[in-house]
Amino acid sequence: MTVSYFAIYRTPDDPAEFERNYFGTHVPLIEKVPGLVENRVHRVTRQFVGEPTYHLVAELVFESPEAMKRAFASEEWRASGENLQAWGGMDLVTMFSAAPPDGGAGTQA
């Protein structure tokens, strides 16, 4: 069963500078995290309701909760967190993990 770790970034004061740091330094570090199956990053193109406004949504997919736990203990994960903190990304982010309620098959209508 895969598990995902989400990072949702509020809209920064300077989106271009944020993206320069995010894609230029943070993503390359994240992609070195052991056990990462996929790094999916989405730019929010339209927000229909809710506050605050969001800029990016990142989904880090791991093959299992155990793989995610091992990744969180890695030097690569620590380095990515230090990087995010260094340029202010940590001030904009909400992070959480999630898994499908039925073990990975998705919901059925």
PDB file of N, CA and C in Angstrom:
ATOM      1  N   MET A   1       0.845  -1.192   0.000  1.00  0.00           N
ATOM      2  CA  MET A   1       0.000   0.000   0.000  1.00  0.00           C
ATOM      3  C   MET A   1       0.880   1.241   0.000  1.00  0.00           C
ATOM      4  N   THR A   2       0.693   2.107  -0.987  1.00  0.00           N
ATOM      5  CA  THR A   2       1.441   3.357  -0.999  1.00  0.00           C
ATOM      6  C   THR A   2       0.878   4.318   0.042  1.00  0.00           C
ATOM      7  N   VAL A   3       1.711   5.268   0.403  1.00  0.00           N
ATOM      8  CA  VAL A   3       1.308   6.343   1.298  1.00  0.00           C
ATOM      9  C   VAL A   3       1.912   7.618   0.737  1.00  0.00           C
ATOM     10  N   SER A   4       1.203   8.710   0.893  1.00  0.00           N
ATOM     11  CA  SER A   4       1.674   9.984   0.356  1.00  0.00           C
ATOM     12  C   SER A   4       1.893  10.998   1.462  1.00  0.00           C
ATOM     13  N   TYR A   5       2.873  11.814   1.252  1.00  0.00           N
ATOM     14  CA  TYR A   5       3.194  12.946   2.125  1.00  0.00           C
ATOM     15  C   TYR A   5       2.923  14.191   1.296  1.00  0.00           C
ATOM     16  N   PHE A   6       2.075  15.066   1.798  1.00  0.00           N
ATOM     17  CA  PHE A   6       1.691  16.269   1.070  1.00  0.00           C
ATOM     18  C   PHE A   6       2.305  17.505   1.715  1.00  0.00           C
ATOM     19  N   ALA A   7       2.730  18.428   0.872  1.00  0.00           N
ATOM     20  CA  ALA A   7       3.173  19.751   1.309  1.00  0.00           C
ATOM     21  C   ALA A   7       2.379  20.755   0.486  1.00  0.00           C
ATOM     22  N   ILE A   8       1.600  21.585   1.175  1.00  0.00           N
ATOM     23  CA  ILE A   8       0.767  22.582   0.513  1.00  0.00           C
ATOM     24  C   ILE A   8       1.339  23.952   0.877  1.00  0.00           C
ATOM     25  N   TYR A   9       1.747  24.693  -0.142  1.00  0.00           N
ATOM     26  CA  TYR A   9       2.410  25.981   0.057  1.00  0.00           C
ATOM     27  C   TYR A   9       1.458  27.133  -0.225  1.00  0.00           C
ATOM     28  N   ARG A  10       1.324  28.021   0.757  1.00  0.00           N
ATOM     29  CA  ARG A  10       0.535  29.238   0.572  1.00  0.00           C
ATOM     30  C   ARG A  10       1.225  30.127  -0.463  1.00  0.00           C
ATOM     31  N   THR A  11       0.474  31.025  -1.048  1.00  0.00           N
ATOM     32  CA  THR A  11       1.028  31.920  -2.060  1.00  0.00           C
ATOM     33  C   THR A  11       2.046  32.859  -1.419  1.00  0.00           C
ATOM     34  N   PRO A  12       3.284  32.829  -1.911  1.00  0.00           N
ATOM     35  CA  PRO A  12       4.325  33.696  -1.353  1.00  0.00           C
ATOM     36  C   PRO A  12       4.205  35.126  -1.879  1.00  0.00           C
ATOM     37  N   ASP A  13       4.874  36.057  -1.198  1.00  0.00           N
ATOM     38  CA  ASP A  13       4.895  37.448  -1.655  1.00  0.00           C
ATOM     39  C   ASP A  13       5.546  37.563  -3.030  1.00  0.00           C
ATOM     40  N   ASP A  14       6.565  36.753  -3.283  1.00  0.00           N
ATOM     41  CA  ASP A  14       7.283  36.783  -4.559  1.00  0.00           C
ATOM     42  C   ASP A  14       7.284  35.367  -5.152  1.00  0.00           C
ATOM     43  N   PRO A  15       6.245  35.020  -5.912  1.00  0.00           N
ATOM     44  CA  PRO A  15       6.156  33.662  -6.457  1.00  0.00           C
ATOM     45  C   PRO A  15       7.353  33.254  -7.315  1.00  0.00           C
ATOM     46  N   ALA A  16       7.921  34.168  -8.090  1.00  0.00           N
ATOM     47  CA  ALA A  16       9.058  33.824  -8.943  1.00  0.00           C
ATOM     48  C   ALA A  16      10.271  33.444  -8.099  1.00  0.00           C
ATOM     49  N   GLU A  17      10.529  34.196  -7.043  1.00  0.00           N
ATOM     50  CA  GLU A  17      11.656  33.876  -6.155  1.00  0.00           C
ATOM     51  C   GLU A  17      11.407  32.556  -5.427  1.00  0.00           C
ATOM     52  N   PHE A  18      10.183  32.353  -4.976  1.00  0.00           N
ATOM     53  CA  PHE A  18       9.823  31.094  -4.326  1.00  0.00           C
ATOM     54  C   PHE A  18      10.117  29.919  -5.253  1.00  0.00           C
ATOM     55  N   GLU A  19       9.654  30.002  -6.495  1.00  0.00           N
ATOM     56  CA  GLU A  19       9.853  28.901  -7.439  1.00  0.00           C
ATOM     57  C   GLU A  19      11.323  28.714  -7.795  1.00  0.00           C
ATOM     58  N   ARG A  20      12.081  29.797  -7.859  1.00  0.00           N
ATOM     59  CA  ARG A  20      13.514  29.675  -8.119  1.00  0.00           C
ATOM     60  C   ARG A  20      14.160  28.823  -7.026  1.00  0.00           C
ATOM     61  N   ASN A  21      13.827  29.113  -5.772  1.00  0.00           N
ATOM     62  CA  ASN A  21      14.364  28.333  -4.650  1.00  0.00           C
ATOM     63  C   ASN A  21      13.791  26.923  -4.613  1.00  0.00           C
ATOM     64  N   TYR A  22      12.493  26.811  -4.783  1.00  0.00           N
ATOM     65  CA  TYR A  22      11.832  25.514  -4.664  1.00  0.00           C
ATOM     66  C   TYR A  22      12.334  24.530  -5.718  1.00  0.00           C
ATOM     67  N   PHE A  23      12.254  24.944  -6.986  1.00  0.00           N
ATOM     68  CA  PHE A  23      12.653  24.035  -8.064  1.00  0.00           C
ATOM     69  C   PHE A  23      14.172  23.980  -8.247  1.00  0.00           C
ATOM     70  N   GLY A  24      14.862  25.053  -7.898  1.00  0.00           N
ATOM     71  CA  GLY A  24      16.301  25.103  -8.094  1.00  0.00           C
ATOM     72  C   GLY A  24      17.120  24.417  -7.024  1.00  0.00           C
ATOM     73  N   THR A  25      16.612  24.422  -5.767  1.00  0.00           N
ATOM     74  CA  THR A  25      17.398  23.820  -4.679  1.00  0.00           C
ATOM     75  C   THR A  25      16.651  22.737  -3.916  1.00  0.00           C
ATOM     76  N   HIS A  26      15.360  22.956  -3.658  1.00  0.00           N
ATOM     77  CA  HIS A  26      14.627  22.022  -2.794  1.00  0.00           C
ATOM     78  C   HIS A  26      14.274  20.723  -3.522  1.00  0.00           C
ATOM     79  N   VAL A  27      13.708  20.809  -4.700  1.00  0.00           N
ATOM     80  CA  VAL A  27      13.300  19.601  -5.435  1.00  0.00           C
ATOM     81  C   VAL A  27      14.485  18.666  -5.694  1.00  0.00           C
ATOM     82  N   PRO A  28      15.643  19.175  -6.117  1.00  0.00           N
ATOM     83  CA  PRO A  28      16.764  18.248  -6.307  1.00  0.00           C
ATOM     84  C   PRO A  28      17.146  17.488  -5.034  1.00  0.00           C
ATOM     85  N   LEU A  29      17.008  18.115  -3.880  1.00  0.00           N
ATOM     86  CA  LEU A  29      17.288  17.417  -2.620  1.00  0.00           C
ATOM     87  C   LEU A  29      16.216  16.374  -2.322  1.00  0.00           C
ATOM     88  N   ILE A  30      14.953  16.740  -2.504  1.00  0.00           N
ATOM     89  CA  ILE A  30      13.847  15.810  -2.249  1.00  0.00           C
ATOM     90  C   ILE A  30      13.982  14.565  -3.121  1.00  0.00           C
ATOM     91  N   GLU A  31      14.369  14.745  -4.353  1.00  0.00           N
ATOM     92  CA  GLU A  31      14.433  13.611  -5.267  1.00  0.00           C
ATOM     93  C   GLU A  31      15.551  12.632  -4.930  1.00  0.00           C
ATOM     94  N   LYS A  32      16.411  12.982  -3.983  1.00  0.00           N
ATOM     95  CA  LYS A  32      17.457  12.081  -3.505  1.00  0.00           C
ATOM     96  C   LYS A  32      17.023  11.287  -2.268  1.00  0.00           C
ATOM     97  N   VAL A  33      15.835  11.574  -1.730  1.00  0.00           N
ATOM     98  CA  VAL A  33      15.361  10.901  -0.519  1.00  0.00           C
ATOM     99  C   VAL A  33      15.154   9.418  -0.822  1.00  0.00           C
ATOM    100  N   PRO A  34      15.760   8.542  -0.016  1.00  0.00           N
ATOM    101  CA  PRO A  34      15.611   7.105  -0.263  1.00  0.00           C
ATOM    102  C   PRO A  34      14.167   6.650  -0.062  1.00  0.00           C
ATOM    103  N   GLY A  35      13.732   5.755  -0.926  1.00  0.00           N
ATOM    104  CA  GLY A  35      12.391   5.196  -0.806  1.00  0.00           C
ATOM    105  C   GLY A  35      11.309   6.010  -1.485  1.00  0.00           C
ATOM    106  N   LEU A  36      11.660   7.168  -2.049  1.00  0.00           N
ATOM    107  CA  LEU A  36      10.673   7.987  -2.750  1.00  0.00           C
ATOM    108  C   LEU A  36      10.342   7.328  -4.088  1.00  0.00           C
ATOM    109  N   VAL A  37       9.064   7.067  -4.312  1.00  0.00           N
ATOM    110  CA  VAL A  37       8.607   6.455  -5.553  1.00  0.00           C
ATOM    111  C   VAL A  37       8.322   7.528  -6.603  1.00  0.00           C
ATOM    112  N   GLU A  38       7.700   8.619  -6.171  1.00  0.00           N
ATOM    113  CA  GLU A  38       7.333   9.680  -7.110  1.00  0.00           C
ATOM    114  C   GLU A  38       7.195  10.999  -6.368  1.00  0.00           C
ATOM    115  N   ASN A  39       7.631  12.077  -7.016  1.00  0.00           N
ATOM    116  CA  ASN A  39       7.475  13.434  -6.509  1.00  0.00           C
ATOM    117  C   ASN A  39       6.570  14.174  -7.484  1.00  0.00           C
ATOM    118  N   ARG A  40       5.330  14.404  -7.081  1.00  0.00           N
ATOM    119  CA  ARG A  40       4.355  15.076  -7.940  1.00  0.00           C
ATOM    120  C   ARG A  40       4.170  16.506  -7.425  1.00  0.00           C
ATOM    121  N   VAL A  41       4.468  17.479  -8.249  1.00  0.00           N
ATOM    122  CA  VAL A  41       4.300  18.879  -7.866  1.00  0.00           C
ATOM    123  C   VAL A  41       3.278  19.508  -8.800  1.00  0.00           C
ATOM    124  N   HIS A  42       2.313  20.200  -8.209  1.00  0.00           N
ATOM    125  CA  HIS A  42       1.260  20.851  -8.983  1.00  0.00           C
ATOM    126  C   HIS A  42       1.215  22.332  -8.619  1.00  0.00           C
ATOM    127  N   ARG A  43       1.098  23.177  -9.623  1.00  0.00           N
ATOM    128  CA  ARG A  43       0.893  24.602  -9.399  1.00  0.00           C
ATOM    129  C   ARG A  43      -0.617  24.835  -9.327  1.00  0.00           C
ATOM    130  N   VAL A  44      -1.075  25.519  -8.304  1.00  0.00           N
ATOM    131  CA  VAL A  44      -2.494  25.831  -8.178  1.00  0.00           C
ATOM    132  C   VAL A  44      -2.814  26.885  -9.229  1.00  0.00           C
ATOM    133  N   THR A  45      -3.717  26.553 -10.127  1.00  0.00           N
ATOM    134  CA  THR A  45      -4.055  27.467 -11.218  1.00  0.00           C
ATOM    135  C   THR A  45      -5.325  28.261 -10.935  1.00  0.00           C
ATOM    136  N   ARG A  46      -6.159  27.717 -10.070  1.00  0.00           N
ATOM    137  CA  ARG A  46      -7.383  28.429  -9.690  1.00  0.00           C
ATOM    138  C   ARG A  46      -7.865  27.855  -8.372  1.00  0.00           C
ATOM    139  N   GLN A  47      -8.136  28.729  -7.442  1.00  0.00           N
ATOM    140  CA  GLN A  47      -8.683  28.298  -6.157  1.00  0.00           C
ATOM    141  C   GLN A  47     -10.123  28.768  -6.094  1.00  0.00           C
ATOM    142  N   PHE A  48     -11.027  27.844  -5.933  1.00  0.00           N
ATOM    143  CA  PHE A  48     -12.449  28.169  -5.992  1.00  0.00           C
ATOM    144  C   PHE A  48     -12.998  28.713  -4.683  1.00  0.00           C
ATOM    145  N   VAL A  49     -12.634  28.101  -3.577  1.00  0.00           N
ATOM    146  CA  VAL A  49     -13.093  28.572  -2.272  1.00  0.00           C
ATOM    147  C   VAL A  49     -11.978  28.381  -1.259  1.00  0.00           C
ATOM    148  N   GLY A  50     -12.106  29.073  -0.142  1.00  0.00           N
ATOM    149  CA  GLY A  50     -11.199  28.849   0.975  1.00  0.00           C
ATOM    150  C   GLY A  50     -10.074  29.851   1.088  1.00  0.00           C
ATOM    151  N   GLU A  51      -9.587  29.950   2.279  1.00  0.00           N
ATOM    152  CA  GLU A  51      -8.450  30.794   2.622  1.00  0.00           C
ATOM    153  C   GLU A  51      -7.498  29.957   3.448  1.00  0.00           C
ATOM    154  N   PRO A  52      -6.215  30.176   3.364  1.00  0.00           N
ATOM    155  CA  PRO A  52      -5.516  31.147   2.529  1.00  0.00           C
ATOM    156  C   PRO A  52      -5.433  30.663   1.090  1.00  0.00           C
ATOM    157  N   THR A  53      -4.852  31.478   0.234  1.00  0.00           N
ATOM    158  CA  THR A  53      -4.648  31.052  -1.143  1.00  0.00           C
ATOM    159  C   THR A  53      -3.396  30.187  -1.215  1.00  0.00           C
ATOM    160  N   TYR A  54      -3.421  29.226  -2.115  1.00  0.00           N
ATOM    161  CA  TYR A  54      -2.314  28.287  -2.252  1.00  0.00           C
ATOM    162  C   TYR A  54      -1.614  28.452  -3.595  1.00  0.00           C
ATOM    163  N   HIS A  55      -0.318  28.133  -3.604  1.00  0.00           N
ATOM    164  CA  HIS A  55       0.519  28.302  -4.789  1.00  0.00           C
ATOM    165  C   HIS A  55       0.953  26.952  -5.379  1.00  0.00           C
ATOM    166  N   LEU A  56       1.473  26.064  -4.524  1.00  0.00           N
ATOM    167  CA  LEU A  56       1.938  24.754  -4.970  1.00  0.00           C
ATOM    168  C   LEU A  56       1.424  23.665  -4.046  1.00  0.00           C
ATOM    169  N   VAL A  57       1.224  22.483  -4.612  1.00  0.00           N
ATOM    170  CA  VAL A  57       0.912  21.280  -3.851  1.00  0.00           C
ATOM    171  C   VAL A  57       1.916  20.222  -4.288  1.00  0.00           C
ATOM    172  N   ALA A  58       2.651  19.685  -3.328  1.00  0.00           N
ATOM    173  CA  ALA A  58       3.604  18.617  -3.624  1.00  0.00           C
ATOM    174  C   ALA A  58       3.122  17.332  -2.968  1.00  0.00           C
ATOM    175  N   GLU A  59       3.150  16.252  -3.711  1.00  0.00           N
ATOM    176  CA  GLU A  59       2.795  14.929  -3.192  1.00  0.00           C
ATOM    177  C   GLU A  59       4.014  14.032  -3.358  1.00  0.00           C
ATOM    178  N   LEU A  60       4.549  13.574  -2.243  1.00  0.00           N
ATOM    179  CA  LEU A  60       5.674  12.647  -2.247  1.00  0.00           C
ATOM    180  C   LEU A  60       5.111  11.265  -1.979  1.00  0.00           C
ATOM    181  N   VAL A  61       5.258  10.355  -2.920  1.00  0.00           N
ATOM    182  CA  VAL A  61       4.672   9.021  -2.818  1.00  0.00           C
ATOM    183  C   VAL A  61       5.744   8.025  -2.390  1.00  0.00           C
ATOM    184  N   PHE A  62       5.426   7.257  -1.344  1.00  0.00           N
ATOM    185  CA  PHE A  62       6.297   6.194  -0.843  1.00  0.00           C
ATOM    186  C   PHE A  62       5.571   4.870  -0.976  1.00  0.00           C
ATOM    187  N   GLU A  63       6.325   3.787  -1.116  1.00  0.00           N
ATOM    188  CA  GLU A  63       5.696   2.481  -1.346  1.00  0.00           C
ATOM    189  C   GLU A  63       4.957   1.940  -0.135  1.00  0.00           C
ATOM    190  N   SER A  64       5.284   2.438   1.055  1.00  0.00           N
ATOM    191  CA  SER A  64       4.615   1.952   2.267  1.00  0.00           C
ATOM    192  C   SER A  64       4.855   2.931   3.406  1.00  0.00           C
ATOM    193  N   PRO A  65       4.060   2.823   4.471  1.00  0.00           N
ATOM    194  CA  PRO A  65       4.324   3.659   5.652  1.00  0.00           C
ATOM    195  C   PRO A  65       5.726   3.418   6.220  1.00  0.00           C
ATOM    196  N   GLU A  66       6.198   2.185   6.139  1.00  0.00           N
ATOM    197  CA  GLU A  66       7.533   1.868   6.659  1.00  0.00           C
ATOM    198  C   GLU A  66       8.616   2.558   5.832  1.00  0.00           C
ATOM    199  N   ALA A  67       8.434   2.575   4.504  1.00  0.00           N
ATOM    200  CA  ALA A  67       9.395   3.250   3.631  1.00  0.00           C
ATOM    201  C   ALA A  67       9.417   4.752   3.911  1.00  0.00           C
ATOM    202  N   MET A  68       8.241   5.332   4.162  1.00  0.00           N
ATOM    203  CA  MET A  68       8.182   6.751   4.484  1.00  0.00           C
ATOM    204  C   MET A  68       8.888   7.024   5.811  1.00  0.00           C
ATOM    205  N   LYS A  69       8.690   6.171   6.789  1.00  0.00           N
ATOM    206  CA  LYS A  69       9.340   6.340   8.087  1.00  0.00           C
ATOM    207  C   LYS A  69      10.863   6.277   7.943  1.00  0.00           C
ATOM    208  N   ARG A  70      11.349   5.347   7.153  1.00  0.00           N
ATOM    209  CA  ARG A  70      12.798   5.262   6.914  1.00  0.00           C
ATOM    210  C   ARG A  70      13.305   6.513   6.197  1.00  0.00           C
ATOM    211  N   ALA A  71      12.528   7.010   5.243  1.00  0.00           N
ATOM    212  CA  ALA A  71      12.920   8.224   4.520  1.00  0.00           C
ATOM    213  C   ALA A  71      13.044   9.405   5.479  1.00  0.00           C
ATOM    214  N   PHE A  72      12.104   9.514   6.413  1.00  0.00           N
ATOM    215  CA  PHE A  72      12.123  10.628   7.372  1.00  0.00           C
ATOM    216  C   PHE A  72      13.353  10.592   8.271  1.00  0.00           C
ATOM    217  N   ALA A  73      13.961   9.433   8.425  1.00  0.00           N
ATOM    218  CA  ALA A  73      15.160   9.292   9.272  1.00  0.00           C
ATOM    219  C   ALA A  73      16.449   9.509   8.477  1.00  0.00           C
ATOM    220  N   SER A  74      16.342   9.762   7.179  1.00  0.00           N
ATOM    221  CA  SER A  74      17.530   9.837   6.329  1.00  0.00           C
ATOM    222  C   SER A  74      18.199  11.206   6.372  1.00  0.00           C
ATOM    223  N   GLU A  75      19.458  11.201   6.037  1.00  0.00           N
ATOM    224  CA  GLU A  75      20.231  12.436   5.914  1.00  0.00           C
ATOM    225  C   GLU A  75      19.667  13.312   4.786  1.00  0.00           C
ATOM    226  N   GLU A  76      19.193  12.693   3.720  1.00  0.00           N
ATOM    227  CA  GLU A  76      18.633  13.436   2.599  1.00  0.00           C
ATOM    228  C   GLU A  76      17.375  14.203   3.005  1.00  0.00           C
ATOM    229  N   TRP A  77      16.541  13.579   3.833  1.00  0.00           N
ATOM    230  CA  TRP A  77      15.326  14.255   4.321  1.00  0.00           C
ATOM    231  C   TRP A  77      15.695  15.438   5.202  1.00  0.00           C
ATOM    232  N   ARG A  78      16.683  15.234   6.085  1.00  0.00           N
ATOM    233  CA  ARG A  78      17.141  16.315   6.962  1.00  0.00           C
ATOM    234  C   ARG A  78      17.667  17.477   6.127  1.00  0.00           C
ATOM    235  N   ALA A  79      18.449  17.181   5.105  1.00  0.00           N
ATOM    236  CA  ALA A  79      19.004  18.231   4.246  1.00  0.00           C
ATOM    237  C   ALA A  79      17.898  19.000   3.523  1.00  0.00           C
ATOM    238  N   SER A  80      16.857  18.303   3.094  1.00  0.00           N
ATOM    239  CA  SER A  80      15.763  18.989   2.394  1.00  0.00           C
ATOM    240  C   SER A  80      15.012  19.922   3.344  1.00  0.00           C
ATOM    241  N   GLY A  81      14.843  19.504   4.589  1.00  0.00           N
ATOM    242  CA  GLY A  81      14.193  20.364   5.581  1.00  0.00           C
ATOM    243  C   GLY A  81      15.023  21.595   5.911  1.00  0.00           C
ATOM    244  N   GLU A  82      16.328  21.408   6.033  1.00  0.00           N
ATOM    245  CA  GLU A  82      17.217  22.546   6.284  1.00  0.00           C
ATOM    246  C   GLU A  82      17.181  23.528   5.121  1.00  0.00           C
ATOM    247  N   ASN A  83      17.131  22.999   3.901  1.00  0.00           N
ATOM    248  CA  ASN A  83      17.048  23.844   2.725  1.00  0.00           C
ATOM    249  C   ASN A  83      15.766  24.661   2.734  1.00  0.00           C
ATOM    250  N   LEU A  84      14.641  24.015   2.998  1.00  0.00           N
ATOM    251  CA  LEU A  84      13.351  24.702   3.026  1.00  0.00           C
ATOM    252  C   LEU A  84      13.354  25.807   4.070  1.00  0.00           C
ATOM    253  N   GLN A  85      13.930  25.519   5.226  1.00  0.00           N
ATOM    254  CA  GLN A  85      14.014  26.509   6.299  1.00  0.00           C
ATOM    255  C   GLN A  85      14.905  27.685   5.895  1.00  0.00           C
ATOM    256  N   ALA A  86      15.993  27.418   5.194  1.00  0.00           N
ATOM    257  CA  ALA A  86      16.983  28.446   4.860  1.00  0.00           C
ATOM    258  C   ALA A  86      16.416  29.561   3.986  1.00  0.00           C
ATOM    259  N   TRP A  87      15.509  29.244   3.095  1.00  0.00           N
ATOM    260  CA  TRP A  87      14.991  30.287   2.203  1.00  0.00           C
ATOM    261  C   TRP A  87      13.539  30.680   2.496  1.00  0.00           C
ATOM    262  N   GLY A  88      12.999  30.233   3.620  1.00  0.00           N
ATOM    263  CA  GLY A  88      11.687  30.706   4.064  1.00  0.00           C
ATOM    264  C   GLY A  88      10.499  29.877   3.640  1.00  0.00           C
ATOM    265  N   GLY A  89      10.725  28.774   2.956  1.00  0.00           N
ATOM    266  CA  GLY A  89       9.607  27.936   2.531  1.00  0.00           C
ATOM    267  C   GLY A  89       8.843  27.324   3.688  1.00  0.00           C
ATOM    268  N   MET A  90       9.532  27.078   4.798  1.00  0.00           N
ATOM    269  CA  MET A  90       8.880  26.468   5.953  1.00  0.00           C
ATOM    270  C   MET A  90       7.791  27.380   6.533  1.00  0.00           C
ATOM    271  N   ASP A  91       7.916  28.684   6.320  1.00  0.00           N
ATOM    272  CA  ASP A  91       6.925  29.635   6.816  1.00  0.00           C
ATOM    273  C   ASP A  91       5.627  29.599   6.023  1.00  0.00           C
ATOM    274  N   LEU A  92       5.632  28.958   4.866  1.00  0.00           N
ATOM    275  CA  LEU A  92       4.475  28.948   3.969  1.00  0.00           C
ATOM    276  C   LEU A  92       3.774  27.604   3.851  1.00  0.00           C
ATOM    277  N   VAL A  93       4.280  26.579   4.513  1.00  0.00           N
ATOM    278  CA  VAL A  93       3.844  25.226   4.197  1.00  0.00           C
ATOM    279  C   VAL A  93       3.025  24.572   5.307  1.00  0.00           C
ATOM    280  N   THR A  94       2.086  23.747   4.879  1.00  0.00           N
ATOM    281  CA  THR A  94       1.371  22.815   5.747  1.00  0.00           C
ATOM    282  C   THR A  94       1.712  21.431   5.212  1.00  0.00           C
ATOM    283  N   MET A  95       2.069  20.491   6.115  1.00  0.00           N
ATOM    284  CA  MET A  95       2.485  19.153   5.692  1.00  0.00           C
ATOM    285  C   MET A  95       1.679  18.092   6.422  1.00  0.00           C
ATOM    286  N   PHE A  96       1.367  17.003   5.699  1.00  0.00           N
ATOM    287  CA  PHE A  96       0.663  15.877   6.307  1.00  0.00           C
ATOM    288  C   PHE A  96       0.846  14.645   5.443  1.00  0.00           C
ATOM    289  N   SER A  97       0.608  13.476   6.019  1.00  0.00           N
ATOM    290  CA  SER A  97       0.622  12.237   5.240  1.00  0.00           C
ATOM    291  C   SER A  97      -0.805  11.731   5.099  1.00  0.00           C
ATOM    292  N   ALA A  98      -1.020  10.934   4.045  1.00  0.00           N
ATOM    293  CA  ALA A  98      -2.361  10.415   3.782  1.00  0.00           C
ATOM    294  C   ALA A  98      -2.263   9.119   2.997  1.00  0.00           C
ATOM    295  N   ALA A  99      -3.271   8.274   3.175  1.00  0.00           N
ATOM    296  CA  ALA A  99      -3.379   7.032   2.429  1.00  0.00           C
ATOM    297  C   ALA A  99      -4.842   6.819   2.074  1.00  0.00           C
ATOM    298  N   PRO A 100      -5.109   6.149   0.969  1.00  0.00           N
ATOM    299  CA  PRO A 100      -6.502   5.867   0.612  1.00  0.00           C
ATOM    300  C   PRO A 100      -7.181   5.060   1.729  1.00  0.00           C
ATOM    301  N   PRO A 101      -8.451   5.321   2.000  1.00  0.00           N
ATOM    302  CA  PRO A 101      -9.127   4.631   3.100  1.00  0.00           C
ATOM    303  C   PRO A 101      -9.305   3.144   2.883  1.00  0.00           C
ATOM    304  N   ASP A 102      -9.243   2.694   1.642  1.00  0.00           N
ATOM    305  CA  ASP A 102      -9.461   1.281   1.356  1.00  0.00           C
ATOM    306  C   ASP A 102      -8.172   0.538   1.017  1.00  0.00           C
ATOM    307  N   GLY A 103      -7.036   1.146   1.390  1.00  0.00           N
ATOM    308  CA  GLY A 103      -5.774   0.482   1.172  1.00  0.00           C
ATOM    309  C   GLY A 103      -5.155   0.682  -0.206  1.00  0.00           C
ATOM    310  N   GLY A 104      -5.667   1.602  -0.992  1.00  0.00           N
ATOM    311  CA  GLY A 104      -5.000   1.940  -2.222  1.00  0.00           C
ATOM    312  C   GLY A 104      -5.801   1.815  -3.498  1.00  0.00           C
ATOM    313  N   ALA A 105      -6.998   1.239  -3.443  1.00  0.00           N
ATOM    314  CA  ALA A 105      -7.757   1.050  -4.671  1.00  0.00           C
ATOM    315  C   ALA A 105      -8.564   2.285  -5.051  1.00  0.00           C
ATOM    316  N   GLY A 106      -8.592   3.290  -4.192  1.00  0.00           N
ATOM    317  CA  GLY A 106      -9.389   4.476  -4.475  1.00  0.00           C
ATOM    318  C   GLY A 106     -10.824   4.264  -4.042  1.00  0.00           C
ATOM    319  N   THR A 107     -11.627   5.291  -4.211  1.00  0.00           N
ATOM    320  CA  THR A 107     -13.033   5.172  -3.836  1.00  0.00           C
ATOM    321  C   THR A 107     -13.852   4.793  -5.060  1.00  0.00           C
ATOM    322  N   GLN A 108     -14.935   4.127  -4.804  1.00  0.00           N
ATOM    323  CA  GLN A 108     -15.821   3.727  -5.895  1.00  0.00           C
ATOM    324  C   GLN A 108     -17.151   4.440  -5.752  1.00  0.00           C
ATOM    325  N   ALA A 109     -17.716   4.822  -6.885  1.00  0.00           N
ATOM    326  CA  ALA A 109     -19.002   5.531  -6.885  1.00  0.00           C
ATOM    327  C   ALA A 109     -20.132   4.577  -6.681  1.00  0.00           C
TER     328      ALA A 109
END
